[in-house]
Protein backbone atom coordinates (compact mmCIF):
# COMPACT_ATOMS: atom_id res chain seq x y z
CA UNK A 1 0.00 0.00 0.00
CA UNK A 2 1.42 3.38 -1.00
CA UNK A 3 1.87 5.83 1.87
CA UNK A 4 1.89 9.61 1.83
CA UNK A 5 3.58 11.68 4.50
CA UNK A 6 5.90 14.61 5.07
CA UNK A 7 9.57 13.98 4.42
CA UNK A 8 10.65 16.14 7.35
CA UNK A 9 9.53 13.42 9.72
CA UNK A 10 12.57 11.41 8.63
CA UNK A 11 15.56 13.27 9.99
CA UNK A 12 18.07 10.88 8.46
CA UNK A 13 16.83 11.85 5.01
CA UNK A 14 16.14 15.49 5.38
CA UNK A 15 17.85 18.72 6.40
CA UNK A 16 16.48 22.23 6.26
CA UNK A 17 17.15 25.77 7.36
CA UNK A 18 13.70 27.34 7.89
CA UNK A 19 11.52 26.83 10.96
CA UNK A 20 8.23 27.84 9.33
CA UNK A 21 5.62 25.09 9.56
CA UNK A 22 4.53 25.60 5.94
CA UNK A 23 8.07 25.16 4.66
CA UNK A 24 8.65 22.07 6.76
CA UNK A 25 5.95 20.18 4.87
CA UNK A 26 7.94 20.54 1.62
CA UNK A 27 8.20 18.12 -0.05
CA UNK A 28 5.41 15.65 0.64
CA UNK A 29 6.74 12.10 0.47
CA UNK A 30 4.82 9.42 -1.43
CA UNK A 31 6.42 6.12 -0.44
CA UNK A 32 6.03 3.08 -2.69
CA UNK A 33 6.21 -0.54 -1.67
CA UNK A 34 8.80 -3.05 -2.84
CA UNK A 35 8.44 -3.69 -6.56
CA UNK A 36 5.57 -1.21 -7.01
CA UNK A 37 5.63 0.46 -10.42
CA UNK A 38 5.44 4.25 -10.57
CA UNK A 39 2.46 3.72 -12.88
CA UNK A 40 0.52 1.92 -10.13
CA UNK A 41 -0.10 4.82 -7.75
CA UNK A 42 -3.19 4.43 -5.59
CA UNK A 43 -6.06 6.29 -7.23
CA UNK A 44 -6.79 8.23 -4.03
CA UNK A 45 -3.22 9.52 -3.91
CA UNK A 46 -3.16 10.46 -7.57
CA UNK A 47 -6.45 12.33 -7.11
CA UNK A 48 -4.95 14.32 -4.23
CA UNK A 49 -1.78 15.38 -6.03
CA UNK A 50 -3.23 18.51 -7.65
CA UNK A 51 -4.27 19.84 -4.25
CA UNK A 52 -0.93 18.88 -2.70
CA UNK A 53 0.95 20.75 -5.42
CA UNK A 54 -1.04 23.95 -4.93
CA UNK A 55 -0.73 23.86 -1.13
CA UNK A 56 2.73 22.40 -0.46
CA UNK A 57 4.25 22.81 -3.93
CA UNK A 58 6.31 19.62 -4.20
CA UNK A 59 6.01 15.83 -4.03
CA UNK A 60 8.81 13.26 -3.79
CA UNK A 61 7.97 9.77 -5.09
CA UNK A 62 10.33 7.27 -3.49
CA UNK A 63 10.60 3.50 -3.43
CA UNK A 64 8.84 2.95 -6.76
CA UNK A 65 10.15 1.04 -9.75
CA UNK A 66 10.94 3.37 -12.66
CA UNK A 67 12.31 0.89 -15.15
CA UNK A 68 13.51 3.23 -17.91
CA UNK A 69 13.62 6.94 -18.80
CA UNK A 70 10.61 6.23 -21.01
CA UNK A 71 8.70 5.24 -17.87
CA UNK A 72 9.67 8.56 -16.31
CA UNK A 73 8.41 10.39 -19.38
CA UNK A 74 5.17 8.40 -19.37
CA UNK A 75 4.63 9.22 -15.69
CA UNK A 76 5.24 12.96 -16.17
CA UNK A 77 2.98 13.03 -19.22
CA UNK A 78 0.20 11.22 -17.34
CA UNK A 79 -0.83 14.43 -15.55
CA UNK A 80 -2.47 15.79 -18.65
CA UNK A 81 -0.29 18.68 -19.85
CA UNK A 82 1.95 18.15 -22.89
CA UNK A 83 5.64 17.96 -22.07
CA UNK A 84 7.57 21.00 -23.19
CA UNK A 85 10.70 21.37 -25.29
CA UNK A 86 13.58 23.35 -23.78
CA UNK A 87 13.43 26.51 -25.90
CA UNK A 88 15.09 29.81 -25.04
CA UNK A 89 17.12 28.00 -22.37
CA UNK A 90 19.90 29.70 -20.46
CA UNK A 91 21.97 26.66 -19.47
CA UNK A 92 23.41 23.67 -21.35
CA UNK A 93 21.23 20.54 -21.44
CA UNK A 94 21.20 17.47 -23.64
CA UNK A 95 18.02 16.07 -25.12
CA UNK A 96 17.42 12.49 -23.96
CA UNK A 97 14.40 12.22 -26.24
CA UNK A 98 11.36 14.41 -26.94
CA UNK A 99 10.15 15.97 -23.69
CA UNK A 100 13.02 14.71 -21.50
CA UNK A 101 16.38 16.43 -20.95
CA UNK A 102 19.49 16.11 -18.86
CA UNK A 103 19.69 18.32 -15.82
CA UNK A 104 21.89 21.39 -16.29
CA UNK A 105 25.33 20.29 -17.44
CA UNK A 106 27.55 22.49 -15.31
CA UNK A 107 30.80 21.08 -13.86
CA UNK A 108 30.35 18.95 -10.74
CA UNK A 109 32.19 21.40 -8.47
CA UNK A 110 29.81 24.26 -9.26
CA UNK A 111 26.76 25.19 -7.21
CA UNK A 112 23.64 26.04 -9.22
CA UNK A 113 21.68 28.65 -7.23
CA UNK A 114 18.02 28.15 -6.43
CA UNK A 115 15.71 29.43 -9.14
CA UNK A 116 12.30 28.90 -10.73
CA UNK A 117 12.68 27.32 -14.14
CA UNK A 118 12.87 29.91 -16.96
CA UNK A 119 11.65 32.75 -14.72
CA UNK A 120 13.82 35.05 -16.88
CA UNK A 121 11.28 34.87 -19.71
CA UNK A 122 7.50 34.77 -20.14
CA UNK A 123 6.73 31.28 -21.45
CA UNK A 124 7.84 29.11 -18.54
CA UNK A 125 6.74 25.65 -17.39
CA UNK A 126 4.07 25.35 -14.71
CA UNK A 127 5.35 21.95 -13.54
CA UNK A 128 8.75 20.30 -13.55
CA UNK A 129 9.84 16.74 -12.73
CA UNK A 130 13.31 15.45 -11.78
CA UNK A 131 14.21 11.76 -11.91
CA UNK A 132 17.34 10.38 -10.25
CA UNK A 133 18.77 7.50 -12.26
CA UNK A 134 22.11 7.51 -10.45
CA UNK A 135 22.90 9.34 -7.21
CA UNK A 136 26.33 10.91 -6.80
CA UNK A 137 28.85 9.61 -4.28
CA UNK A 138 28.67 12.83 -2.26
CA UNK A 139 26.55 15.96 -2.59
CA UNK A 140 24.52 16.50 -5.75
CA UNK A 141 21.28 17.25 -3.93
CA UNK A 142 18.61 19.31 -5.65
CA UNK A 143 17.82 21.90 -2.95
CA UNK A 144 14.35 23.41 -3.10
CA UNK A 145 12.65 26.41 -1.48
CA UNK A 146 9.10 27.69 -1.16
CA UNK A 147 8.76 30.77 -3.41
CA UNK A 148 5.99 32.13 -1.15
CA UNK A 149 8.34 32.00 1.81
CA UNK A 150 11.10 33.69 -0.21
CA UNK A 151 8.64 36.48 -1.10
CA UNK A 152 7.60 36.85 2.54
CA UNK A 153 11.18 36.82 3.85
CA UNK A 154 12.45 39.31 1.28
CA UNK A 155 13.02 42.74 2.87
CA UNK A 156 10.00 44.90 2.09
CA UNK A 157 11.99 47.61 0.31
CA UNK A 158 13.55 45.09 -2.08
CA UNK A 159 10.28 43.27 -2.65
CA UNK A 160 8.41 46.49 -3.45
CA UNK A 161 11.19 47.83 -5.67
CA UNK A 162 11.38 44.64 -7.74
CA UNK A 163 7.60 44.34 -8.00
CA UNK A 164 7.07 47.93 -9.14
CA UNK A 165 10.04 48.34 -11.50
CA UNK A 166 10.19 44.79 -12.94
CA UNK A 167 13.33 43.43 -14.61
CA UNK A 168 15.08 43.68 -17.97
CA UNK A 169 17.07 40.57 -18.92
CA UNK A 170 19.83 41.11 -21.51
CA UNK A 171 21.50 38.16 -23.22
CA UNK A 172 24.36 37.87 -25.72
CA UNK A 173 24.60 34.50 -27.44
CA UNK A 174 28.05 33.31 -28.42
CA UNK A 175 29.69 29.93 -28.58
CA UNK A 176 32.90 31.53 -27.36
CA UNK A 177 31.52 32.57 -23.97
CA UNK A 178 28.20 30.83 -23.40
CA UNK A 179 25.51 29.24 -25.55
CA UNK A 180 25.23 30.12 -29.27
CA UNK A 181 21.84 31.28 -30.47
CA UNK A 182 21.49 28.17 -32.65
CA UNK A 183 21.57 26.01 -29.51
CA UNK A 184 19.25 28.24 -27.48
CA UNK A 185 16.56 28.48 -30.16
CA UNK A 186 17.05 24.98 -31.59
CA UNK A 187 17.37 26.33 -35.12
CA UNK A 188 19.88 27.80 -37.57
CA UNK A 189 17.19 29.92 -39.24
CA UNK A 190 17.36 33.60 -38.25
CA UNK A 191 13.80 34.16 -39.41
CA UNK A 192 12.58 31.48 -37.03
CA UNK A 193 14.46 33.15 -34.17
CA UNK A 194 12.87 36.49 -35.03
CA UNK A 195 9.40 34.96 -35.10
CA UNK A 196 9.95 33.43 -31.66
CA UNK A 197 11.16 36.77 -30.29
CA UNK A 198 8.24 38.65 -31.80
CA UNK A 199 5.72 36.15 -30.42
CA UNK A 200 7.19 36.47 -26.91
CA UNK A 201 7.81 40.23 -26.73
CA UNK A 202 11.58 39.87 -26.89
CA UNK A 203 13.64 42.61 -28.49
CA UNK A 204 16.41 41.22 -30.73
CA UNK A 205 19.47 42.60 -32.46
CA UNK A 206 21.85 40.86 -34.85
CA UNK A 207 25.36 42.09 -34.17
CA UNK A 208 28.02 42.71 -36.81
CA UNK A 209 29.83 39.46 -35.98
CA UNK A 210 26.65 37.44 -36.56
CA UNK A 211 25.91 36.87 -32.88
CA UNK A 212 22.59 37.79 -31.30
CA UNK A 213 21.57 40.09 -28.45
CA UNK A 214 18.10 39.99 -26.87
CA UNK A 215 16.30 42.05 -24.23
CA UNK A 216 13.11 41.08 -22.46
CA UNK A 217 11.18 42.83 -19.70
CA UNK A 218 9.54 40.49 -17.18
CA UNK A 219 7.79 40.68 -13.84
CA UNK A 220 9.84 39.93 -10.72
CA UNK A 221 6.93 38.55 -8.68
CA UNK A 222 3.91 36.48 -9.64
CA UNK A 223 0.50 35.78 -8.15
CA UNK A 224 -0.40 32.11 -8.23
CA UNK A 225 -3.51 31.76 -10.45
CA UNK A 226 -5.16 29.14 -8.23
CA UNK A 227 -4.36 30.31 -4.72
CA UNK A 228 -3.80 34.05 -5.24
CA UNK A 229 -0.59 33.84 -3.19
CA UNK A 230 2.36 36.03 -4.15
CA UNK A 231 5.65 34.36 -5.03
CA UNK A 232 9.18 35.58 -5.72
CA UNK A 233 9.67 34.59 -9.36
CA UNK A 234 12.74 35.86 -11.20
CA UNK A 235 16.36 35.04 -11.92
CA UNK A 236 17.96 38.40 -11.22
CA UNK A 237 20.41 36.83 -8.75
CA UNK A 238 21.60 34.40 -11.45
CA UNK A 239 21.76 36.80 -14.41
CA UNK A 240 23.35 39.73 -12.59
CA UNK A 241 27.09 40.13 -13.09
CA UNK A 242 27.56 39.94 -9.32
CA UNK A 243 26.81 36.20 -9.58
CA UNK A 244 30.22 35.73 -11.25
CA UNK A 245 33.29 35.10 -9.11
CA UNK A 246 35.05 38.50 -8.69
CA UNK A 247 38.29 37.74 -10.56
CA UNK A 248 36.42 36.12 -13.45
CA UNK A 249 33.98 39.04 -13.48
CA UNK A 250 36.81 41.56 -13.75
CA UNK A 251 38.47 39.65 -16.59
CA UNK A 252 35.19 39.23 -18.46
CA UNK A 253 34.27 42.90 -18.17
CA UNK A 254 37.74 43.90 -19.34
CA UNK A 255 37.49 41.54 -22.31
CA UNK A 256 33.98 42.22 -23.64
CA UNK A 257 32.46 45.11 -21.65
CA UNK A 258 29.17 45.09 -19.80
CA UNK A 259 27.09 45.40 -22.99
CA UNK A 260 28.45 42.08 -24.30
CA UNK A 261 28.21 39.96 -21.16
CA UNK A 262 26.57 36.60 -21.90
CA UNK A 263 23.78 37.59 -19.51
CA UNK A 264 22.96 40.50 -17.26
CA UNK A 265 19.88 42.04 -15.68
CA UNK A 266 18.68 45.55 -14.91
CA UNK A 267 15.54 47.09 -13.53
CA UNK A 268 12.83 47.30 -16.16
CA UNK A 269 13.78 50.86 -17.14
CA UNK A 270 17.40 49.81 -17.76
CA UNK A 271 18.80 51.23 -14.53
CA UNK A 272 21.38 49.16 -12.62
CA UNK A 273 20.66 46.87 -9.69
CA UNK A 274 23.14 47.25 -6.82
CA UNK A 275 25.34 44.27 -6.01
CA UNK A 276 24.48 44.35 -2.30
CA UNK A 277 20.77 44.15 -3.11
CA UNK A 278 21.37 40.90 -4.99
CA UNK A 279 23.54 39.65 -2.12
CA UNK A 280 20.52 40.10 0.17
CA UNK A 281 18.32 38.20 -2.27
CA UNK A 282 20.83 35.32 -2.32
CA UNK A 283 20.88 35.23 1.46
CA UNK A 284 17.09 34.83 1.59
CA UNK A 285 17.37 31.89 -0.80
CA UNK A 286 20.08 30.38 1.38
CA UNK A 287 17.99 30.73 4.53
CA UNK A 288 14.93 29.06 2.98
CA UNK A 289 16.67 26.18 1.20
CA UNK A 290 15.63 22.60 1.93
CA UNK A 291 17.87 19.69 0.94
CA UNK A 292 17.69 15.90 0.95
CA UNK A 293 19.90 13.20 -0.62
CA UNK A 294 18.76 11.63 -3.86
CA UNK A 295 18.06 7.91 -3.99
CA UNK A 296 18.05 6.06 -7.33
CA UNK A 297 14.52 5.90 -8.69
CA UNK A 298 13.34 9.07 -6.94
CA UNK A 299 11.00 11.41 -8.83
CA UNK A 300 10.53 14.96 -7.56
CA UNK A 301 7.48 16.81 -8.92
CA UNK A 302 7.28 20.59 -8.38
CA UNK A 303 4.88 23.41 -9.04
CA UNK A 304 7.36 25.73 -10.77
CA UNK A 305 5.67 28.87 -9.48
CA UNK A 306 5.63 27.74 -5.86
CA UNK A 307 9.01 26.02 -5.56
CA UNK A 308 12.52 27.02 -6.65
CA UNK A 309 15.25 24.44 -7.22
CA UNK A 310 19.03 24.30 -7.61
CA UNK A 311 21.94 21.84 -7.47
CA UNK A 312 24.67 21.26 -4.92
CA UNK A 313 28.24 20.37 -5.96
CA UNK A 314 29.00 16.66 -6.07
CA UNK A 315 31.59 13.97 -6.57
CA UNK A 316 31.23 10.76 -8.56
CA UNK A 317 28.80 10.00 -11.35
CA UNK A 318 25.37 11.64 -11.14
CA UNK A 319 22.50 11.24 -13.57
CA UNK A 320 19.31 13.23 -13.09
CA UNK A 321 16.91 13.85 -15.96
CA UNK A 322 14.16 16.44 -16.27
CA UNK A 323 10.74 16.88 -17.84
CA UNK A 324 8.65 20.07 -17.96
CA UNK A 325 5.05 20.83 -18.81
């Protein structure tokens, strides 16, 4: 019989920073029995998942048999929404097959800060699934945080400033420094890129060397359409130049100048965001982060508006794949 409970009741599995009762329920644990297929969830539990996602924001399925990546895809697709392709991405991923991708392919020693998937643009997934095929020897957790709690914990002056002024994300696509535009837009056709930009209110500019620059203004906070709750929903702390290690930042600015950085972010009117303001934002993320070790076979299902995710550094082989809808 499948059981459903809160993961924080199992201290050997779970560590967390916040003391808020709402945060401590994240994620809800759905525990399978030996040999139980992920496709054989109890009907009562499956029926409750929509409510769980809009109240808690995340569910961890553990102890189920997930025989192949195709089974993971089938499970993610079973919730009704078509699985999305990874268009206008900001990090390197490999396509496993249609609708399923590798997790972000950054070097193992690097920490990927908490973020809501594709919050730097307007068409973003409402749900995201992670499936652990192989857990790393050490580290490699996917920390998560409640975006409502981040919003509430954010100092009022920062929250109000971001909400009222919004954000302007600027990207320069180049294979020399980051991702080329052909990889980001999954095409080599400039006209197709321009159509995508036009459809999504993205300003674009083809530079003399053939590379591309885009600008897009986006909200920094969102109101959940089902609950009406406000969430912190942006990637300013990732895109801002202050996210780069100081010596690398200095070298990069000297080499290409601020206007040609692979990515940067400003307030919506183009005015700069102070480094110390982003440092405060990062500290709120740090204080609200929840982390637990992966086990092979785990599937983590998140409401992308309500829950941010990241990746801790790791050693050894690690294989986690992703689906979005």
